[in-house]
Amino acid sequence: MVRRVSLSLLVAVVVPAAVFYGTFALAGVWAAIAGALVWSYGAIAWRALTRRRTSGLLVLTAVLLTGRTALSVMADSTWLYFLQPVISDGVVATLFLLSLASARPMVARLAGDFYPMDHELAVRPRVRRLFRHLTALWAALGFAKAGMTLWLLQSQTLETFVLVKSVSMLAINVLAAFATIGLAALVARKEGLMGSTRPAPVPAEAPA
């Protein structure tokens, strides 16, 4: 699970942030915007060509970057590009929050990206409670990130904003991801899916 989460975060979050900031420092903001978008679609194309499953997180990142880039180009405004994460974080957080009213909260829909998930496992009471709690956690995190980004955008220069946002948002996402892993591992132990609490297999009877 740690490997899957780390790989998904690396491809969908860490590398695009690094590409954006590196390109921004070398070639300016518009080149950085294009670089992050090219990376996301390149990663999706590579996984499709190699017949690997594309994570929902990577697809979500590509869709959000596409919308941000299109609106910024049409308005010819880089400020609008950096304002849109405030809106997108708020929208995503709202979707997570609203999904709590459905039978499958948002984390339940994304769980298969990080752990092999069949129907029998997904409907266990502890696992369903975990999905609901994690959905609420990520909704609250989305609202907090939106507020922090808006404050940075209004109070800092563009260079400072890009640097601070890249580092702080990456750190927040990584810490939240590993908090999610910790809570999931705790439930997995209680369910006997890992650790010493896993039921031992029953030996088959020897033939007469």
N, C-alpha and C. Protein backbone atom coordinates (compact mmCIF):
# COMPACT_ATOMS: atom_id res chain seq x y z
N MET A 1 0.83 -1.20 0.00
CA MET A 1 0.00 0.00 0.00
C MET A 1 0.87 1.26 0.00
N VAL A 2 1.96 1.22 0.81
CA VAL A 2 2.89 2.37 0.82
C VAL A 2 3.49 2.59 -0.56
N ARG A 3 3.84 1.47 -1.22
CA ARG A 3 4.44 1.60 -2.55
C ARG A 3 3.44 2.21 -3.53
N ARG A 4 2.19 1.77 -3.49
CA ARG A 4 1.18 2.29 -4.42
C ARG A 4 0.91 3.76 -4.17
N VAL A 5 0.76 4.14 -2.89
CA VAL A 5 0.51 5.54 -2.57
C VAL A 5 1.69 6.41 -2.98
N SER A 6 2.90 5.93 -2.68
CA SER A 6 4.10 6.71 -3.02
C SER A 6 4.22 6.91 -4.53
N LEU A 7 3.94 5.84 -5.30
CA LEU A 7 4.04 5.95 -6.75
C LEU A 7 2.98 6.89 -7.31
N SER A 8 1.75 6.78 -6.80
CA SER A 8 0.67 7.66 -7.28
C SER A 8 0.98 9.12 -6.96
N LEU A 9 1.46 9.39 -5.75
CA LEU A 9 1.82 10.77 -5.38
C LEU A 9 3.00 11.27 -6.20
N LEU A 10 3.98 10.40 -6.45
CA LEU A 10 5.15 10.80 -7.23
C LEU A 10 4.74 11.24 -8.63
N VAL A 11 3.92 10.42 -9.30
CA VAL A 11 3.56 10.68 -10.69
C VAL A 11 2.57 11.83 -10.82
N ALA A 12 1.59 11.90 -9.90
CA ALA A 12 0.50 12.87 -10.05
C ALA A 12 0.73 14.18 -9.32
N VAL A 13 1.61 14.19 -8.32
CA VAL A 13 1.77 15.40 -7.51
C VAL A 13 3.21 15.90 -7.48
N VAL A 14 4.15 15.03 -7.10
CA VAL A 14 5.53 15.47 -6.87
C VAL A 14 6.20 15.90 -8.17
N VAL A 15 6.16 15.03 -9.19
CA VAL A 15 6.86 15.35 -10.44
C VAL A 15 6.26 16.58 -11.14
N PRO A 16 4.91 16.70 -11.26
CA PRO A 16 4.39 17.93 -11.88
C PRO A 16 4.80 19.19 -11.14
N ALA A 17 4.85 19.13 -9.80
CA ALA A 17 5.28 20.30 -9.02
C ALA A 17 6.74 20.62 -9.30
N ALA A 18 7.58 19.58 -9.36
CA ALA A 18 9.00 19.79 -9.64
C ALA A 18 9.21 20.31 -11.06
N VAL A 19 8.47 19.74 -12.03
CA VAL A 19 8.57 20.21 -13.41
C VAL A 19 8.15 21.67 -13.51
N PHE A 20 7.05 22.01 -12.83
CA PHE A 20 6.56 23.38 -12.89
C PHE A 20 7.59 24.35 -12.32
N TYR A 21 8.09 24.08 -11.11
CA TYR A 21 9.00 25.04 -10.49
C TYR A 21 10.34 25.12 -11.24
N GLY A 22 10.86 23.96 -11.70
CA GLY A 22 12.11 23.98 -12.44
C GLY A 22 11.99 24.75 -13.75
N THR A 23 10.90 24.53 -14.47
CA THR A 23 10.69 25.24 -15.72
C THR A 23 10.41 26.72 -15.48
N PHE A 24 9.69 27.02 -14.40
CA PHE A 24 9.43 28.41 -14.04
C PHE A 24 10.73 29.17 -13.79
N ALA A 25 11.66 28.54 -13.08
CA ALA A 25 12.93 29.19 -12.77
C ALA A 25 13.78 29.38 -14.02
N LEU A 26 13.67 28.46 -14.99
CA LEU A 26 14.51 28.51 -16.18
C LEU A 26 13.90 29.30 -17.34
N ALA A 27 12.59 29.18 -17.53
CA ALA A 27 11.98 29.72 -18.76
C ALA A 27 10.75 30.56 -18.54
N GLY A 28 10.32 30.76 -17.32
CA GLY A 28 9.18 31.62 -17.07
C GLY A 28 7.89 30.85 -16.83
N VAL A 29 6.85 31.61 -16.51
CA VAL A 29 5.63 31.01 -16.02
C VAL A 29 4.84 30.27 -17.09
N TRP A 30 4.77 30.80 -18.33
CA TRP A 30 3.99 30.13 -19.36
C TRP A 30 4.62 28.80 -19.75
N ALA A 31 5.94 28.76 -19.83
CA ALA A 31 6.62 27.49 -20.11
C ALA A 31 6.38 26.49 -18.98
N ALA A 32 6.33 26.97 -17.75
CA ALA A 32 6.07 26.09 -16.61
C ALA A 32 4.66 25.51 -16.67
N ILE A 33 3.70 26.35 -17.06
CA ILE A 33 2.32 25.89 -17.20
C ILE A 33 2.23 24.78 -18.25
N ALA A 34 2.89 25.00 -19.39
CA ALA A 34 2.88 24.00 -20.46
C ALA A 34 3.60 22.73 -20.03
N GLY A 35 4.71 22.87 -19.32
CA GLY A 35 5.49 21.71 -18.89
C GLY A 35 4.72 20.79 -17.97
N ALA A 36 4.02 21.37 -17.00
CA ALA A 36 3.23 20.55 -16.07
C ALA A 36 2.12 19.81 -16.80
N LEU A 37 1.50 20.47 -17.78
CA LEU A 37 0.41 19.84 -18.53
C LEU A 37 0.95 18.71 -19.41
N VAL A 38 2.07 18.95 -20.07
CA VAL A 38 2.67 17.93 -20.94
C VAL A 38 3.07 16.70 -20.11
N TRP A 39 3.63 16.92 -18.92
CA TRP A 39 4.00 15.79 -18.07
C TRP A 39 2.78 14.93 -17.73
N SER A 40 1.68 15.56 -17.32
CA SER A 40 0.50 14.80 -16.90
C SER A 40 -0.05 13.94 -18.03
N TYR A 41 -0.19 14.53 -19.22
CA TYR A 41 -0.72 13.75 -20.34
C TYR A 41 0.30 12.73 -20.86
N GLY A 42 1.57 13.06 -20.74
CA GLY A 42 2.60 12.10 -21.12
C GLY A 42 2.58 10.87 -20.21
N ALA A 43 2.36 11.09 -18.90
CA ALA A 43 2.28 9.97 -17.96
C ALA A 43 1.06 9.10 -18.25
N ILE A 44 -0.08 9.74 -18.58
CA ILE A 44 -1.29 8.97 -18.92
C ILE A 44 -1.05 8.16 -20.20
N ALA A 45 -0.44 8.78 -21.22
CA ALA A 45 -0.18 8.08 -22.48
C ALA A 45 0.78 6.92 -22.29
N TRP A 46 1.81 7.12 -21.48
CA TRP A 46 2.78 6.06 -21.24
C TRP A 46 2.13 4.86 -20.56
N ARG A 47 1.28 5.10 -19.58
CA ARG A 47 0.60 4.00 -18.89
C ARG A 47 -0.37 3.28 -19.83
N ALA A 48 -0.99 4.05 -20.72
CA ALA A 48 -1.90 3.41 -21.69
C ALA A 48 -1.12 2.54 -22.67
N LEU A 49 0.02 3.03 -23.15
CA LEU A 49 0.83 2.28 -24.10
C LEU A 49 1.42 1.02 -23.48
N THR A 50 1.74 1.09 -22.19
CA THR A 50 2.30 -0.07 -21.50
C THR A 50 1.23 -0.93 -20.84
N ARG A 51 -0.06 -0.61 -21.13
CA ARG A 51 -1.20 -1.37 -20.61
C ARG A 51 -1.20 -1.44 -19.09
N ARG A 52 -0.88 -0.33 -18.47
CA ARG A 52 -0.94 -0.24 -17.01
C ARG A 52 -2.15 0.59 -16.60
N ARG A 53 -2.67 0.30 -15.44
CA ARG A 53 -3.85 1.02 -14.95
C ARG A 53 -3.47 2.46 -14.63
N THR A 54 -4.24 3.41 -15.13
CA THR A 54 -4.02 4.82 -14.83
C THR A 54 -4.78 5.18 -13.56
N SER A 55 -4.08 5.77 -12.60
CA SER A 55 -4.72 6.08 -11.32
C SER A 55 -5.73 7.23 -11.48
N GLY A 56 -6.77 7.18 -10.66
CA GLY A 56 -7.75 8.26 -10.67
C GLY A 56 -7.13 9.59 -10.28
N LEU A 57 -6.11 9.55 -9.41
CA LEU A 57 -5.44 10.78 -8.99
C LEU A 57 -4.74 11.44 -10.16
N LEU A 58 -4.09 10.66 -11.01
CA LEU A 58 -3.40 11.21 -12.17
C LEU A 58 -4.40 11.81 -13.16
N VAL A 59 -5.50 11.12 -13.40
CA VAL A 59 -6.53 11.64 -14.30
C VAL A 59 -7.12 12.93 -13.76
N LEU A 60 -7.40 12.95 -12.45
CA LEU A 60 -7.94 14.16 -11.83
C LEU A 60 -6.97 15.32 -11.96
N THR A 61 -5.67 15.06 -11.75
CA THR A 61 -4.66 16.11 -11.90
C THR A 61 -4.63 16.65 -13.32
N ALA A 62 -4.68 15.75 -14.31
CA ALA A 62 -4.64 16.18 -15.72
C ALA A 62 -5.87 17.01 -16.07
N VAL A 63 -7.04 16.60 -15.61
CA VAL A 63 -8.27 17.35 -15.90
C VAL A 63 -8.21 18.74 -15.29
N LEU A 64 -7.77 18.83 -14.04
CA LEU A 64 -7.70 20.13 -13.37
C LEU A 64 -6.67 21.04 -14.05
N LEU A 65 -5.51 20.48 -14.41
CA LEU A 65 -4.50 21.28 -15.10
C LEU A 65 -4.99 21.76 -16.46
N THR A 66 -5.74 20.91 -17.16
CA THR A 66 -6.27 21.31 -18.46
C THR A 66 -7.22 22.48 -18.33
N GLY A 67 -8.13 22.40 -17.37
CA GLY A 67 -9.07 23.50 -17.15
C GLY A 67 -8.37 24.78 -16.77
N ARG A 68 -7.39 24.67 -15.86
CA ARG A 68 -6.64 25.87 -15.44
C ARG A 68 -5.90 26.50 -16.62
N THR A 69 -5.25 25.66 -17.43
CA THR A 69 -4.47 26.18 -18.54
C THR A 69 -5.36 26.83 -19.59
N ALA A 70 -6.48 26.18 -19.92
CA ALA A 70 -7.38 26.72 -20.94
C ALA A 70 -7.93 28.08 -20.54
N LEU A 71 -8.38 28.21 -19.30
CA LEU A 71 -8.93 29.48 -18.85
C LEU A 71 -7.86 30.57 -18.80
N SER A 72 -6.66 30.20 -18.38
CA SER A 72 -5.58 31.19 -18.29
C SER A 72 -5.17 31.69 -19.67
N VAL A 73 -5.11 30.77 -20.64
CA VAL A 73 -4.73 31.16 -22.00
C VAL A 73 -5.81 32.05 -22.61
N MET A 74 -7.07 31.69 -22.43
CA MET A 74 -8.16 32.50 -22.98
C MET A 74 -8.19 33.89 -22.36
N ALA A 75 -7.90 33.98 -21.07
CA ALA A 75 -7.92 35.28 -20.39
C ALA A 75 -6.57 35.98 -20.46
N ASP A 76 -5.54 35.27 -20.98
CA ASP A 76 -4.17 35.80 -21.03
C ASP A 76 -3.76 36.31 -19.64
N SER A 77 -3.97 35.49 -18.63
CA SER A 77 -3.71 35.91 -17.26
C SER A 77 -3.07 34.77 -16.47
N THR A 78 -1.81 34.94 -16.07
CA THR A 78 -1.17 33.94 -15.22
C THR A 78 -1.73 34.01 -13.80
N TRP A 79 -2.19 35.19 -13.38
CA TRP A 79 -2.78 35.30 -12.04
C TRP A 79 -4.01 34.41 -11.93
N LEU A 80 -4.78 34.33 -13.01
CA LEU A 80 -5.96 33.47 -13.01
C LEU A 80 -5.56 32.01 -12.89
N TYR A 81 -4.43 31.63 -13.47
CA TYR A 81 -3.95 30.25 -13.36
C TYR A 81 -3.71 29.88 -11.90
N PHE A 82 -3.13 30.81 -11.15
CA PHE A 82 -2.83 30.51 -9.75
C PHE A 82 -4.04 30.69 -8.84
N LEU A 83 -5.03 31.43 -9.30
CA LEU A 83 -6.26 31.56 -8.52
C LEU A 83 -7.12 30.29 -8.63
N GLN A 84 -7.04 29.62 -9.77
CA GLN A 84 -7.92 28.47 -9.99
C GLN A 84 -7.74 27.33 -8.99
N PRO A 85 -6.53 27.06 -8.46
CA PRO A 85 -6.44 26.02 -7.43
C PRO A 85 -7.31 26.31 -6.21
N VAL A 86 -7.51 27.60 -5.92
CA VAL A 86 -8.40 27.94 -4.82
C VAL A 86 -9.81 27.44 -5.13
N ILE A 87 -10.23 27.69 -6.37
CA ILE A 87 -11.57 27.27 -6.79
C ILE A 87 -11.65 25.75 -6.89
N SER A 88 -10.63 25.13 -7.54
CA SER A 88 -10.67 23.68 -7.72
C SER A 88 -10.57 22.93 -6.39
N ASP A 89 -9.73 23.42 -5.48
CA ASP A 89 -9.66 22.79 -4.16
C ASP A 89 -11.00 22.90 -3.44
N GLY A 90 -11.62 24.06 -3.57
CA GLY A 90 -12.93 24.23 -2.95
C GLY A 90 -13.98 23.33 -3.58
N VAL A 91 -13.94 23.20 -4.92
CA VAL A 91 -14.92 22.35 -5.61
C VAL A 91 -14.70 20.88 -5.24
N VAL A 92 -13.44 20.44 -5.26
CA VAL A 92 -13.14 19.05 -4.93
C VAL A 92 -13.53 18.76 -3.48
N ALA A 93 -13.20 19.69 -2.57
CA ALA A 93 -13.58 19.50 -1.17
C ALA A 93 -15.09 19.41 -1.01
N THR A 94 -15.80 20.23 -1.77
CA THR A 94 -17.27 20.19 -1.72
C THR A 94 -17.80 18.86 -2.24
N LEU A 95 -17.20 18.34 -3.33
CA LEU A 95 -17.61 17.04 -3.87
C LEU A 95 -17.36 15.93 -2.85
N PHE A 96 -16.20 15.98 -2.19
CA PHE A 96 -15.92 14.99 -1.14
C PHE A 96 -16.97 15.08 -0.04
N LEU A 97 -17.28 16.32 0.36
CA LEU A 97 -18.24 16.51 1.44
C LEU A 97 -19.63 16.01 1.04
N LEU A 98 -20.07 16.35 -0.18
CA LEU A 98 -21.38 15.92 -0.65
C LEU A 98 -21.45 14.41 -0.84
N SER A 99 -20.33 13.79 -1.19
CA SER A 99 -20.34 12.35 -1.41
C SER A 99 -20.61 11.56 -0.14
N LEU A 100 -20.47 12.22 1.02
CA LEU A 100 -20.78 11.55 2.28
C LEU A 100 -22.26 11.18 2.37
N ALA A 101 -23.09 11.86 1.59
CA ALA A 101 -24.52 11.55 1.59
C ALA A 101 -24.86 10.35 0.70
N SER A 102 -23.88 9.84 -0.06
CA SER A 102 -24.13 8.72 -0.96
C SER A 102 -23.66 7.41 -0.32
N ALA A 103 -23.98 6.31 -0.97
CA ALA A 103 -23.56 5.00 -0.46
C ALA A 103 -22.06 4.79 -0.63
N ARG A 104 -21.45 5.48 -1.60
CA ARG A 104 -20.01 5.33 -1.83
C ARG A 104 -19.35 6.71 -1.75
N PRO A 105 -18.83 7.08 -0.58
CA PRO A 105 -18.12 8.34 -0.49
C PRO A 105 -16.89 8.35 -1.40
N MET A 106 -16.34 9.53 -1.64
CA MET A 106 -15.31 9.68 -2.66
C MET A 106 -14.09 8.80 -2.43
N VAL A 107 -13.66 8.65 -1.19
CA VAL A 107 -12.49 7.82 -0.92
C VAL A 107 -12.74 6.37 -1.31
N ALA A 108 -13.98 5.90 -1.15
CA ALA A 108 -14.31 4.53 -1.57
C ALA A 108 -14.14 4.37 -3.07
N ARG A 109 -14.42 5.42 -3.84
CA ARG A 109 -14.29 5.35 -5.29
C ARG A 109 -12.83 5.34 -5.74
N LEU A 110 -11.95 5.94 -4.92
CA LEU A 110 -10.53 6.05 -5.28
C LEU A 110 -9.67 4.98 -4.62
N ALA A 111 -10.24 4.21 -3.69
CA ALA A 111 -9.44 3.28 -2.90
C ALA A 111 -8.74 2.23 -3.76
N GLY A 112 -9.37 1.84 -4.87
CA GLY A 112 -8.77 0.82 -5.73
C GLY A 112 -7.46 1.25 -6.37
N ASP A 113 -7.18 2.55 -6.39
CA ASP A 113 -5.89 3.03 -6.92
C ASP A 113 -4.74 2.65 -6.01
N PHE A 114 -5.04 2.40 -4.74
CA PHE A 114 -3.98 2.23 -3.74
C PHE A 114 -3.95 0.86 -3.09
N TYR A 115 -5.06 0.11 -3.19
CA TYR A 115 -5.11 -1.19 -2.54
C TYR A 115 -6.10 -2.07 -3.30
N PRO A 116 -5.75 -3.35 -3.54
CA PRO A 116 -6.70 -4.24 -4.23
C PRO A 116 -8.00 -4.33 -3.44
N MET A 117 -9.08 -3.92 -4.03
CA MET A 117 -10.34 -3.76 -3.30
C MET A 117 -11.46 -4.52 -4.01
N ASP A 118 -11.98 -5.57 -3.35
CA ASP A 118 -13.13 -6.27 -3.90
C ASP A 118 -14.39 -5.86 -3.12
N HIS A 119 -15.54 -6.32 -3.60
CA HIS A 119 -16.80 -5.89 -2.99
C HIS A 119 -16.91 -6.37 -1.55
N GLU A 120 -16.49 -7.59 -1.28
CA GLU A 120 -16.60 -8.13 0.07
C GLU A 120 -15.83 -7.28 1.08
N LEU A 121 -14.64 -6.84 0.69
CA LEU A 121 -13.85 -6.00 1.58
C LEU A 121 -14.45 -4.61 1.72
N ALA A 122 -14.93 -4.05 0.62
CA ALA A 122 -15.43 -2.67 0.63
C ALA A 122 -16.68 -2.49 1.48
N VAL A 123 -17.46 -3.55 1.68
CA VAL A 123 -18.72 -3.40 2.42
C VAL A 123 -18.59 -3.77 3.89
N ARG A 124 -17.39 -4.11 4.35
CA ARG A 124 -17.22 -4.39 5.78
C ARG A 124 -17.49 -3.12 6.58
N PRO A 125 -18.15 -3.22 7.74
CA PRO A 125 -18.52 -2.01 8.50
C PRO A 125 -17.33 -1.12 8.85
N ARG A 126 -16.22 -1.71 9.33
CA ARG A 126 -15.06 -0.88 9.68
C ARG A 126 -14.49 -0.18 8.45
N VAL A 127 -14.44 -0.88 7.33
CA VAL A 127 -13.90 -0.30 6.11
C VAL A 127 -14.80 0.82 5.61
N ARG A 128 -16.11 0.63 5.69
CA ARG A 128 -17.04 1.68 5.27
C ARG A 128 -16.90 2.91 6.17
N ARG A 129 -16.73 2.70 7.47
CA ARG A 129 -16.52 3.85 8.38
C ARG A 129 -15.21 4.55 8.05
N LEU A 130 -14.18 3.76 7.74
CA LEU A 130 -12.89 4.35 7.36
C LEU A 130 -13.05 5.24 6.13
N PHE A 131 -13.75 4.76 5.11
CA PHE A 131 -13.96 5.55 3.91
C PHE A 131 -14.67 6.87 4.22
N ARG A 132 -15.64 6.82 5.08
CA ARG A 132 -16.39 8.04 5.43
C ARG A 132 -15.50 9.01 6.20
N HIS A 133 -14.73 8.50 7.15
CA HIS A 133 -13.86 9.38 7.94
C HIS A 133 -12.76 10.00 7.08
N LEU A 134 -12.19 9.20 6.18
CA LEU A 134 -11.15 9.74 5.30
C LEU A 134 -11.71 10.74 4.30
N THR A 135 -12.92 10.50 3.83
CA THR A 135 -13.55 11.47 2.92
C THR A 135 -13.76 12.80 3.63
N ALA A 136 -14.22 12.76 4.89
CA ALA A 136 -14.39 13.99 5.66
C ALA A 136 -13.04 14.67 5.90
N LEU A 137 -11.99 13.88 6.17
CA LEU A 137 -10.66 14.44 6.39
C LEU A 137 -10.17 15.18 5.16
N TRP A 138 -10.30 14.55 3.97
CA TRP A 138 -9.80 15.18 2.75
C TRP A 138 -10.66 16.35 2.32
N ALA A 139 -11.92 16.34 2.68
CA ALA A 139 -12.77 17.52 2.41
C ALA A 139 -12.27 18.71 3.24
N ALA A 140 -12.02 18.48 4.53
CA ALA A 140 -11.52 19.55 5.38
C ALA A 140 -10.15 20.04 4.90
N LEU A 141 -9.31 19.10 4.45
CA LEU A 141 -7.99 19.46 3.94
C LEU A 141 -8.11 20.33 2.69
N GLY A 142 -9.06 20.01 1.82
CA GLY A 142 -9.25 20.79 0.60
C GLY A 142 -9.65 22.23 0.90
N PHE A 143 -10.55 22.40 1.84
CA PHE A 143 -10.95 23.76 2.23
C PHE A 143 -9.79 24.52 2.84
N ALA A 144 -8.98 23.84 3.66
CA ALA A 144 -7.83 24.49 4.29
C ALA A 144 -6.80 24.90 3.24
N LYS A 145 -6.54 24.04 2.26
CA LYS A 145 -5.59 24.37 1.19
C LYS A 145 -6.08 25.54 0.35
N ALA A 146 -7.38 25.59 0.08
CA ALA A 146 -7.95 26.70 -0.70
C ALA A 146 -7.74 28.02 0.04
N GLY A 147 -8.00 28.02 1.34
CA GLY A 147 -7.82 29.25 2.11
C GLY A 147 -6.37 29.68 2.18
N MET A 148 -5.47 28.72 2.37
CA MET A 148 -4.04 29.04 2.44
C MET A 148 -3.51 29.56 1.11
N THR A 149 -3.93 28.93 0.00
CA THR A 149 -3.48 29.38 -1.32
C THR A 149 -3.96 30.80 -1.61
N LEU A 150 -5.19 31.10 -1.27
CA LEU A 150 -5.73 32.43 -1.51
C LEU A 150 -4.96 33.47 -0.71
N TRP A 151 -4.65 33.16 0.54
CA TRP A 151 -3.89 34.10 1.37
C TRP A 151 -2.49 34.33 0.79
N LEU A 152 -1.81 33.27 0.35
CA LEU A 152 -0.47 33.42 -0.23
C LEU A 152 -0.52 34.25 -1.51
N LEU A 153 -1.52 33.99 -2.35
CA LEU A 153 -1.64 34.70 -3.62
C LEU A 153 -1.85 36.19 -3.42
N GLN A 154 -2.57 36.55 -2.40
CA GLN A 154 -2.87 37.96 -2.15
C GLN A 154 -1.77 38.69 -1.40
N SER A 155 -0.92 37.94 -0.70
CA SER A 155 0.04 38.59 0.19
C SER A 155 1.50 38.48 -0.26
N GLN A 156 1.81 37.63 -1.26
CA GLN A 156 3.20 37.38 -1.64
C GLN A 156 3.44 37.73 -3.10
N THR A 157 4.72 37.94 -3.44
CA THR A 157 5.09 38.11 -4.85
C THR A 157 4.93 36.79 -5.58
N LEU A 158 4.92 36.83 -6.92
CA LEU A 158 4.72 35.62 -7.70
C LEU A 158 5.82 34.60 -7.43
N GLU A 159 7.09 35.07 -7.38
CA GLU A 159 8.20 34.14 -7.16
C GLU A 159 8.09 33.46 -5.79
N THR A 160 7.78 34.25 -4.76
CA THR A 160 7.63 33.69 -3.41
C THR A 160 6.42 32.77 -3.35
N PHE A 161 5.33 33.19 -4.00
CA PHE A 161 4.12 32.38 -4.00
C PHE A 161 4.38 31.01 -4.60
N VAL A 162 5.04 30.97 -5.77
CA VAL A 162 5.28 29.69 -6.44
C VAL A 162 6.13 28.78 -5.58
N LEU A 163 7.18 29.33 -4.98
CA LEU A 163 8.08 28.52 -4.15
C LEU A 163 7.38 28.01 -2.90
N VAL A 164 6.75 28.92 -2.16
CA VAL A 164 6.10 28.53 -0.90
C VAL A 164 4.95 27.56 -1.16
N LYS A 165 4.15 27.85 -2.19
CA LYS A 165 3.02 26.97 -2.48
C LYS A 165 3.50 25.58 -2.90
N SER A 166 4.52 25.53 -3.75
CA SER A 166 5.01 24.23 -4.22
C SER A 166 5.48 23.37 -3.06
N VAL A 167 6.24 23.97 -2.14
CA VAL A 167 6.79 23.21 -1.02
C VAL A 167 5.72 22.88 0.01
N SER A 168 4.92 23.88 0.38
CA SER A 168 3.95 23.67 1.46
C SER A 168 2.83 22.72 1.04
N MET A 169 2.30 22.89 -0.17
CA MET A 169 1.22 22.01 -0.61
C MET A 169 1.70 20.58 -0.80
N LEU A 170 2.93 20.43 -1.29
CA LEU A 170 3.49 19.09 -1.42
C LEU A 170 3.63 18.43 -0.05
N ALA A 171 4.15 19.19 0.92
CA ALA A 171 4.32 18.65 2.27
C ALA A 171 2.98 18.28 2.89
N ILE A 172 1.98 19.14 2.71
CA ILE A 172 0.65 18.86 3.26
C ILE A 172 0.06 17.60 2.63
N ASN A 173 0.16 17.49 1.31
CA ASN A 173 -0.40 16.32 0.62
C ASN A 173 0.29 15.03 1.06
N VAL A 174 1.62 15.07 1.18
CA VAL A 174 2.36 13.87 1.57
C VAL A 174 2.02 13.47 3.01
N LEU A 175 1.99 14.44 3.93
CA LEU A 175 1.64 14.14 5.31
C LEU A 175 0.22 13.58 5.42
N ALA A 176 -0.71 14.18 4.68
CA ALA A 176 -2.08 13.69 4.70
C ALA A 176 -2.18 12.29 4.12
N ALA A 177 -1.40 12.02 3.07
CA ALA A 177 -1.42 10.69 2.46
C ALA A 177 -0.93 9.64 3.44
N PHE A 178 0.14 9.95 4.18
CA PHE A 178 0.66 8.95 5.10
C PHE A 178 -0.18 8.85 6.37
N ALA A 179 -0.89 9.91 6.73
CA ALA A 179 -1.89 9.79 7.79
C ALA A 179 -3.01 8.87 7.34
N THR A 180 -3.39 8.97 6.07
CA THR A 180 -4.39 8.08 5.51
C THR A 180 -3.92 6.63 5.55
N ILE A 181 -2.65 6.41 5.20
CA ILE A 181 -2.09 5.06 5.25
C ILE A 181 -2.12 4.52 6.67
N GLY A 182 -1.76 5.36 7.64
CA GLY A 182 -1.76 4.92 9.03
C GLY A 182 -3.15 4.49 9.50
N LEU A 183 -4.16 5.28 9.19
CA LEU A 183 -5.52 4.94 9.58
C LEU A 183 -6.00 3.67 8.86
N ALA A 184 -5.64 3.56 7.57
CA ALA A 184 -6.03 2.36 6.82
C ALA A 184 -5.34 1.12 7.38
N ALA A 185 -4.06 1.25 7.74
CA ALA A 185 -3.34 0.11 8.30
C ALA A 185 -3.94 -0.33 9.63
N LEU A 186 -4.37 0.64 10.43
CA LEU A 186 -5.00 0.31 11.71
C LEU A 186 -6.28 -0.50 11.50
N VAL A 187 -7.10 -0.07 10.55
CA VAL A 187 -8.33 -0.81 10.25
C VAL A 187 -7.99 -2.17 9.65
N ALA A 188 -6.96 -2.23 8.80
CA ALA A 188 -6.57 -3.50 8.19
C ALA A 188 -6.15 -4.51 9.25
N ARG A 189 -5.45 -4.06 10.26
CA ARG A 189 -5.06 -4.97 11.35
C ARG A 189 -6.28 -5.47 12.10
N LYS A 190 -7.22 -4.58 12.37
CA LYS A 190 -8.43 -4.99 13.08
C LYS A 190 -9.26 -5.97 12.26
N GLU A 191 -9.17 -5.85 10.93
CA GLU A 191 -9.92 -6.73 10.05
C GLU A 191 -9.16 -8.02 9.74
N GLY A 192 -7.96 -8.15 10.29
CA GLY A 192 -7.18 -9.36 10.03
C GLY A 192 -6.55 -9.41 8.65
N LEU A 193 -6.37 -8.27 8.01
CA LEU A 193 -5.82 -8.23 6.66
C LEU A 193 -4.30 -8.12 6.65
N MET A 194 -3.71 -7.80 7.80
CA MET A 194 -2.25 -7.67 7.89
C MET A 194 -1.85 -7.87 9.33
N GLY A 195 -0.58 -8.19 9.54
CA GLY A 195 -0.08 -8.33 10.90
C GLY A 195 -0.42 -9.67 11.51
N SER A 196 -0.19 -9.76 12.80
CA SER A 196 -0.33 -11.03 13.50
C SER A 196 -1.77 -11.43 13.73
N THR A 197 -2.72 -10.47 13.51
CA THR A 197 -4.12 -10.80 13.75
C THR A 197 -4.76 -11.51 12.57
N ARG A 198 -4.02 -11.66 11.49
CA ARG A 198 -4.59 -12.32 10.31
C ARG A 198 -4.86 -13.78 10.63
N PRO A 199 -6.04 -14.30 10.38
CA PRO A 199 -6.36 -15.69 10.70
C PRO A 199 -5.45 -16.64 9.95
N ALA A 200 -4.99 -17.70 10.67
CA ALA A 200 -4.15 -18.69 10.03
C ALA A 200 -4.98 -19.57 9.11
N PRO A 201 -4.43 -20.00 7.99
CA PRO A 201 -5.19 -20.86 7.08
C PRO A 201 -5.47 -22.21 7.71
N VAL A 202 -6.62 -22.76 7.41
CA VAL A 202 -6.99 -24.08 7.93
C VAL A 202 -6.40 -25.13 7.02
N PRO A 203 -5.58 -26.07 7.56
CA PRO A 203 -4.95 -27.08 6.70
C PRO A 203 -5.98 -28.03 6.14
N ALA A 204 -5.77 -28.41 4.91
CA ALA A 204 -6.68 -29.37 4.28
C ALA A 204 -6.44 -30.76 4.85
N GLU A 205 -7.49 -31.57 4.93
CA GLU A 205 -7.35 -32.92 5.44
C GLU A 205 -6.59 -33.77 4.43
N ALA A 206 -5.70 -34.62 4.96
CA ALA A 206 -4.94 -35.52 4.08
C ALA A 206 -5.86 -36.59 3.53
N PRO A 207 -5.65 -36.98 2.31
CA PRO A 207 -6.48 -38.05 1.73
C PRO A 207 -6.26 -39.37 2.47
N ALA A 208 -7.27 -40.14 2.57
CA ALA A 208 -7.19 -41.44 3.26
C ALA A 208 -6.24 -42.38 2.48
